[in-house]
Amino acid sequence: MKEQKIRKELIQVRELLADLFQSGLTNVPESLVARLSQEETYVRQYGMEWLADRLHELSEGLKARRHLFDNENADELVALFCKIGSFVEEGIRQSGLDEAGIRIGQKDWEQED
């Protein structure tokens, strides 16, 4: 059950990353920055501290870019964005495997009756 919730939350983060990517990471709407903060809170509740911290860093970096006229920290933000994306994809894959393993284990247990 917990695996399903974590997987759904990671999928939400992936969708948010897609929205951020489409915005170009240069002038991100306030609504997306607010969603980043919301997702940070949710993933922290599931114990994903690393991801929550990286989402916070990304949010702060995007806010700071609003006041810049050059691409001063663009490379750092893109690298962070890619790290988060890789982590989320691996997390989705792993949580799917965990969920499948639990289902298989439940079926094996039910067959023993």
Protein backbone atom coordinates (compact mmCIF):
# COMPACT_ATOMS: atom_id res chain seq x y z
CA MET A 1 0.00 0.00 0.00
CA LYS A 2 2.76 2.42 0.92
CA GLU A 3 4.61 1.48 -2.29
CA GLN A 4 1.58 2.50 -4.36
CA LYS A 5 1.36 5.89 -2.66
CA ILE A 6 5.06 6.54 -3.08
CA ARG A 7 4.89 5.52 -6.74
CA LYS A 8 1.93 7.85 -7.33
CA GLU A 9 3.77 10.71 -5.66
CA LEU A 10 6.87 10.11 -7.75
CA ILE A 11 4.71 10.13 -10.87
CA GLN A 12 3.32 13.51 -9.75
CA VAL A 13 6.87 14.82 -9.43
CA ARG A 14 7.69 13.48 -12.90
CA GLU A 15 4.68 15.30 -14.33
CA LEU A 16 5.77 18.49 -12.57
CA LEU A 17 9.25 18.12 -14.04
CA ALA A 18 7.70 17.77 -17.50
CA ASP A 19 5.76 20.99 -16.94
CA LEU A 20 8.92 22.75 -15.78
CA PHE A 21 10.80 21.47 -18.81
CA GLN A 22 8.13 22.82 -21.11
CA SER A 23 8.38 26.22 -19.44
CA GLY A 24 12.06 26.26 -20.37
CA LEU A 25 13.44 26.74 -16.85
CA THR A 26 14.06 30.39 -17.68
CA ASN A 27 10.92 32.16 -16.56
CA VAL A 28 8.89 29.62 -14.63
CA PRO A 29 5.35 30.63 -13.65
CA GLU A 30 4.68 31.14 -9.95
CA SER A 31 2.12 28.31 -10.04
CA LEU A 32 4.82 25.78 -10.94
CA VAL A 33 7.13 27.06 -8.22
CA ALA A 34 4.24 26.68 -5.76
CA ARG A 35 3.71 23.11 -6.98
CA LEU A 36 7.40 22.42 -6.38
CA SER A 37 7.04 23.51 -2.77
CA GLN A 38 3.93 21.37 -2.40
CA GLU A 39 5.67 18.31 -3.83
CA GLU A 40 8.64 18.96 -1.55
CA THR A 41 6.30 18.72 1.43
CA TYR A 42 4.63 15.54 0.17
CA VAL A 43 7.83 13.63 -0.60
CA ARG A 44 9.31 14.66 2.74
CA GLN A 45 6.26 13.12 4.45
CA TYR A 46 7.12 9.82 2.74
CA GLY A 47 10.68 10.01 4.04
CA MET A 48 12.32 10.95 0.75
CA GLU A 49 14.57 13.59 2.28
CA TRP A 50 17.10 13.69 -0.57
CA LEU A 51 14.38 14.35 -3.13
CA ALA A 52 12.68 16.94 -0.93
CA ASP A 53 15.97 18.79 -0.46
CA ARG A 54 16.69 18.76 -4.21
CA LEU A 55 13.18 20.03 -5.01
CA HIS A 56 13.77 22.84 -2.53
CA GLU A 57 17.10 23.70 -4.18
CA LEU A 58 15.43 23.71 -7.60
CA SER A 59 12.62 25.91 -6.35
CA GLU A 60 15.03 28.42 -4.84
CA GLY A 61 17.18 28.40 -7.97
CA LEU A 62 14.18 29.07 -10.19
CA LYS A 63 13.05 31.91 -7.95
CA ALA A 64 16.51 33.46 -8.10
CA ARG A 65 16.58 33.24 -11.91
CA ARG A 66 13.60 35.56 -12.12
CA HIS A 67 15.85 38.42 -11.14
CA LEU A 68 18.74 37.61 -13.46
CA PHE A 69 19.26 38.79 -17.00
CA ASP A 70 21.94 36.30 -17.94
CA ASN A 71 22.38 32.53 -17.78
CA GLU A 72 24.53 32.73 -14.66
CA ASN A 73 23.33 29.56 -12.90
CA ALA A 74 21.60 27.85 -15.84
CA ASP A 75 24.08 24.94 -16.00
CA GLU A 76 23.70 24.24 -12.29
CA LEU A 77 19.90 24.26 -12.54
CA VAL A 78 19.90 21.97 -15.57
CA ALA A 79 22.26 19.55 -13.80
CA LEU A 80 20.04 19.58 -10.71
CA PHE A 81 16.94 19.10 -12.86
CA CYS A 82 18.57 16.07 -14.53
CA LYS A 83 19.61 14.55 -11.17
CA ILE A 84 16.06 14.90 -9.88
CA GLY A 85 14.65 13.42 -13.07
CA SER A 86 16.97 10.41 -12.88
CA PHE A 87 16.15 9.85 -9.23
CA VAL A 88 12.41 10.03 -9.89
CA GLU A 89 12.57 7.62 -12.84
CA GLU A 90 14.59 5.12 -10.82
CA GLY A 91 12.22 5.53 -7.87
CA ILE A 92 9.18 4.87 -10.06
CA ARG A 93 10.85 1.79 -11.51
CA GLN A 94 11.91 0.48 -8.11
CA SER A 95 8.57 1.13 -6.43
CA GLY A 96 6.88 -0.73 -9.29
CA LEU A 97 9.19 -3.69 -8.70
CA ASP A 98 8.55 -3.55 -4.96
CA GLU A 99 4.81 -3.43 -5.54
CA ALA A 100 5.00 -6.39 -7.94
CA GLY A 101 7.06 -8.36 -5.44
CA ILE A 102 4.49 -7.78 -2.74
CA ARG A 103 1.67 -8.93 -5.05
CA ILE A 104 3.60 -12.06 -6.01
CA GLY A 105 4.32 -12.76 -2.35
CA GLN A 106 0.63 -12.36 -1.51
CA LYS A 107 -0.37 -14.75 -4.29
CA ASP A 108 2.16 -17.33 -3.08
CA TRP A 109 0.81 -17.00 0.44
CA GLU A 110 -2.80 -17.34 -0.75
CA GLN A 111 -1.92 -20.50 -2.73
CA GLU A 112 -0.50 -22.18 0.38
CA ASP A 113 -3.96 -22.32 2.00
